[in-house]
Each structure stands twice: as structure tokens, then as C-alpha cells.
């Protein structure tokens, strides 16, 4: 027995339900997890980009070629934009260069006698 193909109403129902579920899931994510979530979604969008290229390779006719090309362009913009946003977010967590110099200066500070600031002599470990 051959199963009937799903109709347009089924596709619209799945799309609307996916939109609601996606909104609820993303809105409940704490802000500290947005960077790892963005990195994971970039990997998924990379797979989507490969899929759009495969579909474009099998396209026939001007309408399918146009939609396939548009899908590849939009998927590429999504991947590149995701990496740009992730990179900007990761830069927010890096230490400033002045903080690194101050920390390095404090760790290696020695007094005039050649001993470290922890009280040990220069030749013996503290």
C-alpha cells in the first residue's frame, strides 16, 4: 500500500509548531550559555549549507536554480554571521592587555638583593 504524501497544511502545521518550540527553547537559555549555543548552531548551519549546495546541484529549471542559489547565499550569510557574533562574544571574556602586563609584572617582581618578593633567595626555590 502506498502512503499519501503530506499536504500543504501538514507542512504549515509543522513549521508553526517548530517556530513556537524554537522560540520557547531559545528564550529560556541563560545568557551565559549563548556563546556555546551559538557555536553549536554554527555547526548545524554548516551542515545546512552543504545540504543547500547538494539541492542546488540537482535543481532543474530557472525557478529551482534561483531558489537554490538564494538558499546557498542565505545559508552562507548565516554561517559567517554566526562566527562573527561568536568571535565578538568571546572577545568580551578576554583579559585586557594592561591586566596581563600587571599580572606578569607582579609574578616576576624581585627586589634589589636578587630575592623574590616571597622572601626566598635567588638560588633556592621558595
PDB file of N, CA and C in Angstrom:
ATOM      1  N   UNK A   1       0.836  -1.166   0.000  1.00  0.00           N
ATOM      2  CA  UNK A   1       0.000   0.000   0.000  1.00  0.00           C
ATOM      3  C   UNK A   1       0.891   1.242   0.000  1.00  0.00           C
ATOM      4  N   UNK A   2       0.551   2.218  -0.805  1.00  0.00           N
ATOM      5  CA  UNK A   2       1.334   3.439  -0.950  1.00  0.00           C
ATOM      6  C   UNK A   2       0.743   4.508  -0.035  1.00  0.00           C
ATOM      7  N   UNK A   3       1.615   5.144   0.761  1.00  0.00           N
ATOM      8  CA  UNK A   3       1.159   6.195   1.676  1.00  0.00           C
ATOM      9  C   UNK A   3       0.959   7.496   0.910  1.00  0.00           C
ATOM     10  N   UNK A   4      -0.036   8.235   1.286  1.00  0.00           N
ATOM     11  CA  UNK A   4      -0.304   9.519   0.645  1.00  0.00           C
ATOM     12  C   UNK A   4       0.734  10.537   1.091  1.00  0.00           C
ATOM     13  N   UNK A   5       1.115  11.416   0.183  1.00  0.00           N
ATOM     14  CA  UNK A   5       2.088  12.449   0.522  1.00  0.00           C
ATOM     15  C   UNK A   5       1.423  13.504   1.392  1.00  0.00           C
ATOM     16  N   UNK A   6       2.208  14.094   2.323  1.00  0.00           N
ATOM     17  CA  UNK A   6       1.614  15.127   3.182  1.00  0.00           C
ATOM     18  C   UNK A   6       1.253  16.368   2.367  1.00  0.00           C
ATOM     19  N   UNK A   7       0.182  16.998   2.747  1.00  0.00           N
ATOM     20  CA  UNK A   7      -0.290  18.171   2.032  1.00  0.00           C
ATOM     21  C   UNK A   7       0.332  19.447   2.566  1.00  0.00           C
ATOM     22  N   UNK A   8      -0.045  20.539   1.957  1.00  0.00           N
ATOM     23  CA  UNK A   8       0.481  21.851   2.337  1.00  0.00           C
ATOM     24  C   UNK A   8       0.128  22.193   3.779  1.00  0.00           C
ATOM     25  N   UNK A   9      -1.066  21.817   4.206  1.00  0.00           N
ATOM     26  CA  UNK A   9      -1.492  22.130   5.579  1.00  0.00           C
ATOM     27  C   UNK A   9      -0.600  21.425   6.604  1.00  0.00           C
ATOM     28  N   UNK A  10      -0.153  20.213   6.306  1.00  0.00           N
ATOM     29  CA  UNK A  10       0.745  19.489   7.208  1.00  0.00           C
ATOM     30  C   UNK A  10       2.079  20.222   7.325  1.00  0.00           C
ATOM     31  N   UNK A  11       2.609  20.698   6.201  1.00  0.00           N
ATOM     32  CA  UNK A  11       3.876  21.423   6.225  1.00  0.00           C
ATOM     33  C   UNK A  11       3.753  22.732   7.005  1.00  0.00           C
ATOM     34  N   UNK A  12       2.655  23.436   6.824  1.00  0.00           N
ATOM     35  CA  UNK A  12       2.447  24.690   7.550  1.00  0.00           C
ATOM     36  C   UNK A  12       2.314  24.423   9.049  1.00  0.00           C
ATOM     37  N   UNK A  13       1.630  23.341   9.416  1.00  0.00           N
ATOM     38  CA  UNK A  13       1.475  22.989  10.832  1.00  0.00           C
ATOM     39  C   UNK A  13       2.821  22.679  11.468  1.00  0.00           C
ATOM     40  N   UNK A  14       3.653  21.909  10.782  1.00  0.00           N
ATOM     41  CA  UNK A  14       4.989  21.573  11.308  1.00  0.00           C
ATOM     42  C   UNK A  14       5.834  22.840  11.441  1.00  0.00           C
ATOM     43  N   UNK A  15       5.758  23.730  10.451  1.00  0.00           N
ATOM     44  CA  UNK A  15       6.525  24.971  10.504  1.00  0.00           C
ATOM     45  C   UNK A  15       6.123  25.835  11.692  1.00  0.00           C
ATOM     46  N   UNK A  16       4.830  25.995  11.902  1.00  0.00           N
ATOM     47  CA  UNK A  16       4.340  26.840  13.004  1.00  0.00           C
ATOM     48  C   UNK A  16       4.728  26.226  14.357  1.00  0.00           C
ATOM     49  N   UNK A  17       4.563  24.914  14.495  1.00  0.00           N
ATOM     50  CA  UNK A  17       4.950  24.263  15.756  1.00  0.00           C
ATOM     51  C   UNK A  17       6.454  24.379  16.006  1.00  0.00           C
ATOM     52  N   UNK A  18       7.255  24.212  14.958  1.00  0.00           N
ATOM     53  CA  UNK A  18       8.707  24.351  15.104  1.00  0.00           C
ATOM     54  C   UNK A  18       9.079  25.777  15.504  1.00  0.00           C
ATOM     55  N   UNK A  19       8.381  26.758  14.963  1.00  0.00           N
ATOM     56  CA  UNK A  19       8.658  28.153  15.320  1.00  0.00           C
ATOM     57  C   UNK A  19       8.354  28.409  16.794  1.00  0.00           C
ATOM     58  N   UNK A  20       7.212  27.905  17.273  1.00  0.00           N
ATOM     59  CA  UNK A  20       6.869  28.082  18.691  1.00  0.00           C
ATOM     60  C   UNK A  20       7.858  27.369  19.606  1.00  0.00           C
ATOM     61  N   UNK A  21       8.198  26.146  19.283  1.00  0.00           N
ATOM     62  CA  UNK A  21       9.152  25.389  20.113  1.00  0.00           C
ATOM     63  C   UNK A  21      10.514  26.068  20.098  1.00  0.00           C
ATOM     64  N   UNK A  22      10.968  26.499  18.928  1.00  0.00           N
ATOM     65  CA  UNK A  22      12.262  27.188  18.836  1.00  0.00           C
ATOM     66  C   UNK A  22      12.302  28.446  19.663  1.00  0.00           C
ATOM     67  N   UNK A  23      11.239  29.231  19.606  1.00  0.00           N
ATOM     68  CA  UNK A  23      11.178  30.466  20.384  1.00  0.00           C
ATOM     69  C   UNK A  23      11.224  30.157  21.880  1.00  0.00           C
ATOM     70  N   UNK A  24      10.468  29.184  22.320  1.00  0.00           N
ATOM     71  CA  UNK A  24      10.435  28.841  23.744  1.00  0.00           C
ATOM     72  C   UNK A  24      11.782  28.319  24.225  1.00  0.00           C
ATOM     73  N   UNK A  25      12.440  27.496  23.424  1.00  0.00           N
ATOM     74  CA  UNK A  25      13.731  26.935  23.830  1.00  0.00           C
ATOM     75  C   UNK A  25      14.790  28.032  23.911  1.00  0.00           C
ATOM     76  N   UNK A  26      14.881  28.859  22.889  1.00  0.00           N
ATOM     77  CA  UNK A  26      15.916  29.892  22.855  1.00  0.00           C
ATOM     78  C   UNK A  26      15.672  30.961  23.915  1.00  0.00           C
ATOM     79  N   UNK A  27      14.433  31.318  24.175  1.00  0.00           N
ATOM     80  CA  UNK A  27      14.152  32.360  25.162  1.00  0.00           C
ATOM     81  C   UNK A  27      14.441  31.898  26.592  1.00  0.00           C
ATOM     82  N   UNK A  28      14.508  30.604  26.834  1.00  0.00           N
ATOM     83  CA  UNK A  28      14.771  30.084  28.179  1.00  0.00           C
ATOM     84  C   UNK A  28      16.257  29.855  28.454  1.00  0.00           C
ATOM     85  N   UNK A  29      17.129  30.086  27.463  1.00  0.00           N
ATOM     86  CA  UNK A  29      18.564  29.853  27.641  1.00  0.00           C
ATOM     87  C   UNK A  29      19.166  31.012  28.426  1.00  0.00           C
ATOM     88  N   UNK A  30      19.907  30.723  29.514  1.00  0.00           N
ATOM     89  CA  UNK A  30      20.569  31.807  30.257  1.00  0.00           C
ATOM     90  C   UNK A  30      21.638  32.483  29.406  1.00  0.00           C
ATOM     91  N   UNK A  31      21.920  33.735  29.665  1.00  0.00           N
ATOM     92  CA  UNK A  31      22.862  34.488  28.830  1.00  0.00           C
ATOM     93  C   UNK A  31      24.269  33.902  28.861  1.00  0.00           C
ATOM     94  N   UNK A  32      24.646  33.223  29.917  1.00  0.00           N
ATOM     95  CA  UNK A  32      25.993  32.638  29.998  1.00  0.00           C
ATOM     96  C   UNK A  32      26.169  31.501  28.994  1.00  0.00           C
ATOM     97  N   UNK A  33      25.079  30.903  28.552  1.00  0.00           N
ATOM     98  CA  UNK A  33      25.167  29.778  27.612  1.00  0.00           C
ATOM     99  C   UNK A  33      24.990  30.196  26.154  1.00  0.00           C
ATOM    100  N   UNK A  34      24.823  31.473  25.881  1.00  0.00           N
ATOM    101  CA  UNK A  34      24.590  31.886  24.500  1.00  0.00           C
ATOM    102  C   UNK A  34      25.788  31.613  23.600  1.00  0.00           C
ATOM    103  N   UNK A  35      27.033  31.818  24.091  1.00  0.00           N
ATOM    104  CA  UNK A  35      28.209  31.582  23.259  1.00  0.00           C
ATOM    105  C   UNK A  35      28.342  30.110  22.882  1.00  0.00           C
ATOM    106  N   UNK A  36      28.257  29.150  23.823  1.00  0.00           N
ATOM    107  CA  UNK A  36      28.319  27.748  23.396  1.00  0.00           C
ATOM    108  C   UNK A  36      27.156  27.352  22.500  1.00  0.00           C
ATOM    109  N   UNK A  37      25.991  27.915  22.751  1.00  0.00           N
ATOM    110  CA  UNK A  37      24.836  27.614  21.909  1.00  0.00           C
ATOM    111  C   UNK A  37      25.059  28.136  20.496  1.00  0.00           C
ATOM    112  N   UNK A  38      25.641  29.319  20.369  1.00  0.00           N
ATOM    113  CA  UNK A  38      25.928  29.879  19.053  1.00  0.00           C
ATOM    114  C   UNK A  38      26.957  29.032  18.315  1.00  0.00           C
ATOM    115  N   UNK A  39      27.966  28.547  19.013  1.00  0.00           N
ATOM    116  CA  UNK A  39      28.966  27.697  18.370  1.00  0.00           C
ATOM    117  C   UNK A  39      28.345  26.399  17.869  1.00  0.00           C
ATOM    118  N   UNK A  40      27.462  25.823  18.662  1.00  0.00           N
ATOM    119  CA  UNK A  40      26.790  24.602  18.229  1.00  0.00           C
ATOM    120  C   UNK A  40      25.872  24.841  17.050  1.00  0.00           C
ATOM    121  N   UNK A  41      25.180  25.975  17.049  1.00  0.00           N
ATOM    122  CA  UNK A  41      24.293  26.262  15.924  1.00  0.00           C
ATOM    123  C   UNK A  41      25.080  26.561  14.655  1.00  0.00           C
ATOM    124  N   UNK A  42      26.311  27.085  14.789  1.00  0.00           N
ATOM    125  CA  UNK A  42      27.147  27.291  13.603  1.00  0.00           C
ATOM    126  C   UNK A  42      27.482  25.966  12.936  1.00  0.00           C
ATOM    127  N   UNK A  43      27.721  24.936  13.719  1.00  0.00           N
ATOM    128  CA  UNK A  43      27.995  23.619  13.140  1.00  0.00           C
ATOM    129  C   UNK A  43      26.765  23.095  12.397  1.00  0.00           C
ATOM    130  N   UNK A  44      25.604  23.297  12.971  1.00  0.00           N
ATOM    131  CA  UNK A  44      24.364  22.862  12.312  1.00  0.00           C
ATOM    132  C   UNK A  44      24.147  23.645  11.027  1.00  0.00           C
ATOM    133  N   UNK A  45      24.415  24.943  11.046  1.00  0.00           N
ATOM    134  CA  UNK A  45      24.227  25.755   9.848  1.00  0.00           C
ATOM    135  C   UNK A  45      25.234  25.379   8.765  1.00  0.00           C
ATOM    136  N   UNK A  46      26.404  24.911   9.156  1.00  0.00           N
ATOM    137  CA  UNK A  46      27.362  24.407   8.172  1.00  0.00           C
ATOM    138  C   UNK A  46      26.819  23.189   7.448  1.00  0.00           C
ATOM    139  N   UNK A  47      26.147  22.317   8.176  1.00  0.00           N
ATOM    140  CA  UNK A  47      25.523  21.144   7.566  1.00  0.00           C
ATOM    141  C   UNK A  47      24.390  21.578   6.634  1.00  0.00           C
ATOM    142  N   UNK A  48      23.635  22.587   7.051  1.00  0.00           N
ATOM    143  CA  UNK A  48      22.553  23.109   6.207  1.00  0.00           C
ATOM    144  C   UNK A  48      23.122  23.690   4.915  1.00  0.00           C
ATOM    145  N   UNK A  49      24.266  24.363   5.011  1.00  0.00           N
ATOM    146  CA  UNK A  49      24.905  24.919   3.814  1.00  0.00           C
ATOM    147  C   UNK A  49      25.283  23.812   2.837  1.00  0.00           C
ATOM    148  N   UNK A  50      25.839  22.733   3.346  1.00  0.00           N
ATOM    149  CA  UNK A  50      26.178  21.597   2.477  1.00  0.00           C
ATOM    150  C   UNK A  50      24.914  21.033   1.828  1.00  0.00           C
ATOM    151  N   UNK A  51      23.837  20.926   2.589  1.00  0.00           N
ATOM    152  CA  UNK A  51      22.574  20.431   2.046  1.00  0.00           C
ATOM    153  C   UNK A  51      22.023  21.331   0.953  1.00  0.00           C
ATOM    154  N   UNK A  52      22.122  22.650   1.140  1.00  0.00           N
ATOM    155  CA  UNK A  52      21.620  23.557   0.108  1.00  0.00           C
ATOM    156  C   UNK A  52      22.440  23.452  -1.170  1.00  0.00           C
ATOM    157  N   UNK A  53      23.736  23.220  -1.034  1.00  0.00           N
ATOM    158  CA  UNK A  53      24.564  23.046  -2.229  1.00  0.00           C
ATOM    159  C   UNK A  53      24.207  21.752  -2.961  1.00  0.00           C
ATOM    160  N   UNK A  54      23.915  20.695  -2.208  1.00  0.00           N
ATOM    161  CA  UNK A  54      23.506  19.440  -2.842  1.00  0.00           C
ATOM    162  C   UNK A  54      22.168  19.596  -3.569  1.00  0.00           C
ATOM    163  N   UNK A  55      21.224  20.305  -2.948  1.00  0.00           N
ATOM    164  CA  UNK A  55      19.932  20.531  -3.585  1.00  0.00           C
ATOM    165  C   UNK A  55      20.109  21.391  -4.838  1.00  0.00           C
ATOM    166  N   UNK A  56      20.956  22.415  -4.758  1.00  0.00           N
ATOM    167  CA  UNK A  56      21.195  23.272  -5.919  1.00  0.00           C
ATOM    168  C   UNK A  56      21.815  22.475  -7.060  1.00  0.00           C
ATOM    169  N   UNK A  57      22.660  21.502  -6.733  1.00  0.00           N
ATOM    170  CA  UNK A  57      23.269  20.674  -7.772  1.00  0.00           C
ATOM    171  C   UNK A  57      22.256  19.830  -8.522  1.00  0.00           C
ATOM    172  N   UNK A  58      21.129  19.513  -7.916  1.00  0.00           N
ATOM    173  CA  UNK A  58      20.090  18.700  -8.560  1.00  0.00           C
ATOM    174  C   UNK A  58      18.922  19.535  -9.068  1.00  0.00           C
ATOM    175  N   UNK A  59      19.060  20.862  -9.075  1.00  0.00           N
ATOM    176  CA  UNK A  59      17.960  21.734  -9.486  1.00  0.00           C
ATOM    177  C   UNK A  59      17.819  21.729 -11.005  1.00  0.00           C
ATOM    178  N   UNK A  60      16.563  21.830 -11.462  1.00  0.00           N
ATOM    179  CA  UNK A  60      16.244  21.907 -12.891  1.00  0.00           C
ATOM    180  C   UNK A  60      15.283  23.061 -13.091  1.00  0.00           C
ATOM    181  N   UNK A  61      15.559  23.873 -14.071  1.00  0.00           N
ATOM    182  CA  UNK A  61      14.662  24.981 -14.382  1.00  0.00           C
ATOM    183  C   UNK A  61      15.073  26.250 -13.659  1.00  0.00           C
ATOM    184  N   UNK A  62      14.632  27.377 -14.167  1.00  0.00           N
ATOM    185  CA  UNK A  62      15.049  28.662 -13.591  1.00  0.00           C
ATOM    186  C   UNK A  62      14.518  28.917 -12.177  1.00  0.00           C
ATOM    187  N   UNK A  63      13.316  28.473 -11.869  1.00  0.00           N
ATOM    188  CA  UNK A  63      12.764  28.725 -10.531  1.00  0.00           C
ATOM    189  C   UNK A  63      13.549  27.948  -9.477  1.00  0.00           C
ATOM    190  N   UNK A  64      13.841  26.685  -9.741  1.00  0.00           N
ATOM    191  CA  UNK A  64      14.591  25.876  -8.778  1.00  0.00           C
ATOM    192  C   UNK A  64      16.021  26.383  -8.638  1.00  0.00           C
ATOM    193  N   UNK A  65      16.637  26.787  -9.752  1.00  0.00           N
ATOM    194  CA  UNK A  65      18.002  27.323  -9.685  1.00  0.00           C
ATOM    195  C   UNK A  65      18.049  28.619  -8.886  1.00  0.00           C
ATOM    196  N   UNK A  66      17.055  29.481  -9.087  1.00  0.00           N
ATOM    197  CA  UNK A  66      17.010  30.750  -8.356  1.00  0.00           C
ATOM    198  C   UNK A  66      16.808  30.508  -6.857  1.00  0.00           C
ATOM    199  N   UNK A  67      15.853  29.650  -6.511  1.00  0.00           N
ATOM    200  CA  UNK A  67      15.616  29.356  -5.092  1.00  0.00           C
ATOM    201  C   UNK A  67      16.812  28.648  -4.462  1.00  0.00           C
ATOM    202  N   UNK A  68      17.441  27.750  -5.207  1.00  0.00           N
ATOM    203  CA  UNK A  68      18.628  27.055  -4.688  1.00  0.00           C
ATOM    204  C   UNK A  68      19.778  28.007  -4.445  1.00  0.00           C
ATOM    205  N   UNK A  69      20.009  28.918  -5.401  1.00  0.00           N
ATOM    206  CA  UNK A  69      21.067  29.906  -5.239  1.00  0.00           C
ATOM    207  C   UNK A  69      20.794  30.812  -4.041  1.00  0.00           C
ATOM    208  N   UNK A  70      19.537  31.235  -3.906  1.00  0.00           N
ATOM    209  CA  UNK A  70      19.158  32.071  -2.770  1.00  0.00           C
ATOM    210  C   UNK A  70      19.367  31.330  -1.444  1.00  0.00           C
ATOM    211  N   UNK A  71      19.051  30.036  -1.426  1.00  0.00           N
ATOM    212  CA  UNK A  71      19.248  29.238  -0.210  1.00  0.00           C
ATOM    213  C   UNK A  71      20.732  29.143   0.141  1.00  0.00           C
ATOM    214  N   UNK A  72      21.590  28.962  -0.861  1.00  0.00           N
ATOM    215  CA  UNK A  72      23.037  28.885  -0.602  1.00  0.00           C
ATOM    216  C   UNK A  72      23.554  30.218  -0.072  1.00  0.00           C
ATOM    217  N   UNK A  73      23.115  31.314  -0.675  1.00  0.00           N
ATOM    218  CA  UNK A  73      23.570  32.639  -0.228  1.00  0.00           C
ATOM    219  C   UNK A  73      23.123  32.911   1.211  1.00  0.00           C
ATOM    220  N   UNK A  74      21.865  32.639   1.515  1.00  0.00           N
ATOM    221  CA  UNK A  74      21.368  32.890   2.867  1.00  0.00           C
ATOM    222  C   UNK A  74      22.031  31.980   3.901  1.00  0.00           C
ATOM    223  N   UNK A  75      22.257  30.718   3.550  1.00  0.00           N
ATOM    224  CA  UNK A  75      22.932  29.808   4.483  1.00  0.00           C
ATOM    225  C   UNK A  75      24.377  30.257   4.722  1.00  0.00           C
ATOM    226  N   UNK A  76      25.042  30.739   3.674  1.00  0.00           N
ATOM    227  CA  UNK A  76      26.413  31.239   3.828  1.00  0.00           C
ATOM    228  C   UNK A  76      26.448  32.464   4.736  1.00  0.00           C
ATOM    229  N   UNK A  77      25.519  33.387   4.522  1.00  0.00           N
ATOM    230  CA  UNK A  77      25.450  34.572   5.387  1.00  0.00           C
ATOM    231  C   UNK A  77      25.184  34.179   6.839  1.00  0.00           C
ATOM    232  N   UNK A  78      24.362  33.171   7.050  1.00  0.00           N
ATOM    233  CA  UNK A  78      24.045  32.714   8.396  1.00  0.00           C
ATOM    234  C   UNK A  78      25.277  32.131   9.086  1.00  0.00           C
ATOM    235  N   UNK A  79      26.045  31.326   8.366  1.00  0.00           N
ATOM    236  CA  UNK A  79      27.251  30.723   8.947  1.00  0.00           C
ATOM    237  C   UNK A  79      28.283  31.806   9.265  1.00  0.00           C
ATOM    238  N   UNK A  80      28.548  32.679   8.299  1.00  0.00           N
ATOM    239  CA  UNK A  80      29.551  33.737   8.508  1.00  0.00           C
ATOM    240  C   UNK A  80      29.117  34.678   9.633  1.00  0.00           C
ATOM    241  N   UNK A  81      27.862  35.076   9.632  1.00  0.00           N
ATOM    242  CA  UNK A  81      27.364  35.948  10.695  1.00  0.00           C
ATOM    243  C   UNK A  81      27.449  35.297  12.062  1.00  0.00           C
ATOM    244  N   UNK A  82      27.170  34.005  12.129  1.00  0.00           N
ATOM    245  CA  UNK A  82      27.272  33.291  13.402  1.00  0.00           C
ATOM    246  C   UNK A  82      28.686  33.277  13.945  1.00  0.00           C
ATOM    247  N   UNK A  83      29.663  33.062  13.057  1.00  0.00           N
ATOM    248  CA  UNK A  83      31.057  33.066  13.505  1.00  0.00           C
ATOM    249  C   UNK A  83      31.506  34.462  13.921  1.00  0.00           C
ATOM    250  N   UNK A  84      31.041  35.486  13.237  1.00  0.00           N
ATOM    251  CA  UNK A  84      31.393  36.863  13.610  1.00  0.00           C
ATOM    252  C   UNK A  84      30.840  37.198  14.993  1.00  0.00           C
ATOM    253  N   UNK A  85      29.580  36.850  15.228  1.00  0.00           N
ATOM    254  CA  UNK A  85      28.958  37.129  16.525  1.00  0.00           C
ATOM    255  C   UNK A  85      29.646  36.332  17.630  1.00  0.00           C
ATOM    256  N   UNK A  86      29.951  35.056  17.370  1.00  0.00           N
ATOM    257  CA  UNK A  86      30.640  34.239  18.372  1.00  0.00           C
ATOM    258  C   UNK A  86      32.008  34.819  18.694  1.00  0.00           C
ATOM    259  N   UNK A  87      32.734  35.266  17.672  1.00  0.00           N
ATOM    260  CA  UNK A  87      34.058  35.848  17.900  1.00  0.00           C
ATOM    261  C   UNK A  87      33.955  37.126  18.728  1.00  0.00           C
ATOM    262  N   UNK A  88      32.972  37.960  18.437  1.00  0.00           N
ATOM    263  CA  UNK A  88      32.787  39.188  19.224  1.00  0.00           C
ATOM    264  C   UNK A  88      32.443  38.872  20.671  1.00  0.00           C
ATOM    265  N   UNK A  89      31.621  37.844  20.882  1.00  0.00           N
ATOM    266  CA  UNK A  89      31.251  37.481  22.249  1.00  0.00           C
ATOM    267  C   UNK A  89      32.454  36.928  23.008  1.00  0.00           C
ATOM    268  N   UNK A  90      33.290  36.144  22.335  1.00  0.00           N
ATOM    269  CA  UNK A  90      34.475  35.600  23.003  1.00  0.00           C
ATOM    270  C   UNK A  90      35.486  36.687  23.334  1.00  0.00           C
ATOM    271  N   UNK A  91      35.548  37.741  22.525  1.00  0.00           N
ATOM    272  CA  UNK A  91      36.444  38.856  22.840  1.00  0.00           C
ATOM    273  C   UNK A  91      36.028  39.569  24.120  1.00  0.00           C
ATOM    274  N   UNK A  92      34.764  39.509  24.470  1.00  0.00           N
ATOM    275  CA  UNK A  92      34.302  40.156  25.700  1.00  0.00           C
ATOM    276  C   UNK A  92      34.878  39.476  26.937  1.00  0.00           C
ATOM    277  N   UNK A  93      35.231  38.191  26.843  1.00  0.00           N
ATOM    278  CA  UNK A  93      35.716  37.452  28.003  1.00  0.00           C
ATOM    279  C   UNK A  93      37.230  37.445  28.115  1.00  0.00           C
ATOM    280  N   UNK A  94      37.941  38.016  27.159  1.00  0.00           N
ATOM    281  CA  UNK A  94      39.403  38.047  27.207  1.00  0.00           C
ATOM    282  C   UNK A  94      39.879  39.149  28.141  1.00  0.00           C
ATOM    283  N   UNK A  95      41.053  38.898  28.759  1.00  0.00           N
ATOM    284  CA  UNK A  95      41.643  39.901  29.637  1.00  0.00           C
ATOM    285  C   UNK A  95      42.230  41.024  28.791  1.00  0.00           C
ATOM    286  N   UNK A  96      42.157  42.231  29.294  1.00  0.00           N
ATOM    287  CA  UNK A  96      42.724  43.367  28.583  1.00  0.00           C
ATOM    288  C   UNK A  96      44.245  43.296  28.662  1.00  0.00           C
ATOM    289  N   UNK A  97      44.976  43.804  27.654  1.00  0.00           N
ATOM    290  CA  UNK A  97      46.446  43.737  27.671  1.00  0.00           C
ATOM    291  C   UNK A  97      47.061  44.393  28.898  1.00  0.00           C
ATOM    292  N   UNK A  98      46.484  45.459  29.424  1.00  0.00           N
ATOM    293  CA  UNK A  98      47.039  46.103  30.608  1.00  0.00           C
ATOM    294  C   UNK A  98      46.915  45.192  31.832  1.00  0.00           C
ATOM    295  N   UNK A  99      45.837  44.406  31.908  1.00  0.00           N
ATOM    296  CA  UNK A  99      45.673  43.481  33.018  1.00  0.00           C
ATOM    297  C   UNK A  99      46.715  42.366  32.959  1.00  0.00           C
ATOM    298  N   UNK A 100      47.033  41.891  31.753  1.00  0.00           N
ATOM    299  CA  UNK A 100      48.038  40.825  31.609  1.00  0.00           C
ATOM    300  C   UNK A 100      49.425  41.325  32.015  1.00  0.00           C
ATOM    301  N   UNK A 101      49.774  42.563  31.609  1.00  0.00           N
ATOM    302  CA  UNK A 101      51.092  43.106  31.951  1.00  0.00           C
ATOM    303  C   UNK A 101      51.229  43.283  33.455  1.00  0.00           C
ATOM    304  N   UNK A 102      50.179  43.753  34.092  1.00  0.00           N
ATOM    305  CA  UNK A 102      50.213  43.958  35.543  1.00  0.00           C
ATOM    306  C   UNK A 102      50.360  42.625  36.266  1.00  0.00           C
ATOM    307  N   UNK A 103      49.651  41.603  35.802  1.00  0.00           N
ATOM    308  CA  UNK A 103      49.738  40.290  36.431  1.00  0.00           C
ATOM    309  C   UNK A 103      51.118  39.681  36.218  1.00  0.00           C
ATOM    310  N   UNK A 104      51.692  39.848  35.029  1.00  0.00           N
ATOM    311  CA  UNK A 104      53.025  39.309  34.750  1.00  0.00           C
ATOM    312  C   UNK A 104      54.080  40.074  35.542  1.00  0.00           C
ATOM    313  N   UNK A 105      53.901  41.375  35.710  1.00  0.00           N
ATOM    314  CA  UNK A 105      54.862  42.175  36.472  1.00  0.00           C
ATOM    315  C   UNK A 105      54.859  41.812  37.943  1.00  0.00           C
ATOM    316  N   UNK A 106      53.714  41.518  38.512  1.00  0.00           N
ATOM    317  CA  UNK A 106      53.630  41.154  39.922  1.00  0.00           C
ATOM    318  C   UNK A 106      54.229  39.775  40.172  1.00  0.00           C
ATOM    319  N   UNK A 107      54.070  38.863  39.251  1.00  0.00           N
ATOM    320  CA  UNK A 107      54.531  37.488  39.454  1.00  0.00           C
ATOM    321  C   UNK A 107      56.052  37.404  39.418  1.00  0.00           C
ATOM    322  N   UNK A 108      56.702  38.223  38.600  1.00  0.00           N
ATOM    323  CA  UNK A 108      58.159  38.117  38.473  1.00  0.00           C
ATOM    324  C   UNK A 108      58.904  39.225  39.177  1.00  0.00           C
ATOM    325  N   UNK A 109      58.303  39.931  40.091  1.00  0.00           N
ATOM    326  CA  UNK A 109      58.946  41.058  40.763  1.00  0.00           C
ATOM    327  C   UNK A 109      60.013  40.566  41.735  1.00  0.00           C
ATOM    328  N   UNK A 110      61.202  41.182  41.641  1.00  0.00           N
ATOM    329  CA  UNK A 110      62.301  40.872  42.562  1.00  0.00           C
ATOM    330  C   UNK A 110      62.803  42.179  43.157  1.00  0.00           C
ATOM    331  N   UNK A 111      63.311  42.068  44.382  1.00  0.00           N
ATOM    332  CA  UNK A 111      63.845  43.278  44.996  1.00  0.00           C
ATOM    333  C   UNK A 111      65.308  43.467  44.611  1.00  0.00           C
ATOM    334  N   UNK A 112      65.965  44.509  45.113  1.00  0.00           N
ATOM    335  CA  UNK A 112      67.331  44.841  44.723  1.00  0.00           C
ATOM    336  C   UNK A 112      68.334  43.785  45.150  1.00  0.00           C
ATOM    337  N   UNK A 113      68.073  42.999  46.171  1.00  0.00           N
ATOM    338  CA  UNK A 113      69.014  41.996  46.660  1.00  0.00           C
ATOM    339  C   UNK A 113      68.979  40.723  45.817  1.00  0.00           C
ATOM    340  N   UNK A 114      68.077  40.644  44.812  1.00  0.00           N
ATOM    341  CA  UNK A 114      68.021  39.465  43.957  1.00  0.00           C
ATOM    342  C   UNK A 114      67.090  38.392  44.479  1.00  0.00           C
ATOM    343  N   UNK A 115      66.371  38.707  45.533  1.00  0.00           N
ATOM    344  CA  UNK A 115      65.433  37.717  46.058  1.00  0.00           C
ATOM    345  C   UNK A 115      64.033  38.052  45.562  1.00  0.00           C
ATOM    346  N   UNK A 116      63.228  37.028  45.472  1.00  0.00           N
ATOM    347  CA  UNK A 116      61.849  37.275  45.037  1.00  0.00           C
ATOM    348  C   UNK A 116      61.080  37.896  46.188  1.00  0.00           C
ATOM    349  N   UNK A 117      59.931  38.446  45.877  1.00  0.00           N
ATOM    350  CA  UNK A 117      59.143  39.120  46.904  1.00  0.00           C
ATOM    351  C   UNK A 117      58.552  38.141  47.912  1.00  0.00           C
ATOM    352  N   UNK A 118      58.681  36.816  47.678  1.00  0.00           N
ATOM    353  CA  UNK A 118      58.148  35.861  48.627  1.00  0.00           C
ATOM    354  C   UNK A 118      59.091  35.598  49.785  1.00  0.00           C
ATOM    355  N   UNK A 119      60.333  36.144  49.716  1.00  0.00           N
ATOM    356  CA  UNK A 119      61.228  36.048  50.871  1.00  0.00           C
ATOM    357  C   UNK A 119      62.342  35.045  50.674  1.00  0.00           C
ATOM    358  N   UNK A 120      62.321  34.191  49.685  1.00  0.00           N
ATOM    359  CA  UNK A 120      63.376  33.230  49.450  1.00  0.00           C
ATOM    360  C   UNK A 120      64.532  33.871  48.733  1.00  0.00           C
ATOM    361  N   UNK A 121      65.727  33.213  48.715  1.00  0.00           N
ATOM    362  CA  UNK A 121      66.870  33.749  47.997  1.00  0.00           C
ATOM    363  C   UNK A 121      66.763  33.388  46.537  1.00  0.00           C
ATOM    364  N   UNK A 122      67.596  34.016  45.706  1.00  0.00           N
ATOM    365  CA  UNK A 122      67.530  33.836  44.279  1.00  0.00           C
ATOM    366  C   UNK A 122      67.920  32.416  43.873  1.00  0.00           C
ATOM    367  N   UNK A 123      68.794  31.756  44.626  1.00  0.00           N
ATOM    368  CA  UNK A 123      69.277  30.441  44.248  1.00  0.00           C
ATOM    369  C   UNK A 123      68.427  29.302  44.772  1.00  0.00           C
ATOM    370  N   UNK A 124      67.603  29.548  45.769  1.00  0.00           N
ATOM    371  CA  UNK A 124      66.818  28.458  46.348  1.00  0.00           C
ATOM    372  C   UNK A 124      65.354  28.666  46.004  1.00  0.00           C
ATOM    373  N   UNK A 125      64.675  27.574  45.665  1.00  0.00           N
ATOM    374  CA  UNK A 125      63.251  27.719  45.376  1.00  0.00           C
ATOM    375  C   UNK A 125      62.460  27.988  46.642  1.00  0.00           C
ATOM    376  N   UNK A 126      61.391  28.727  46.540  1.00  0.00           N
ATOM    377  CA  UNK A 126      60.565  29.057  47.695  1.00  0.00           C
ATOM    378  C   UNK A 126      59.564  27.977  47.943  1.00  0.00           C
TER     379      UNK A 126
END
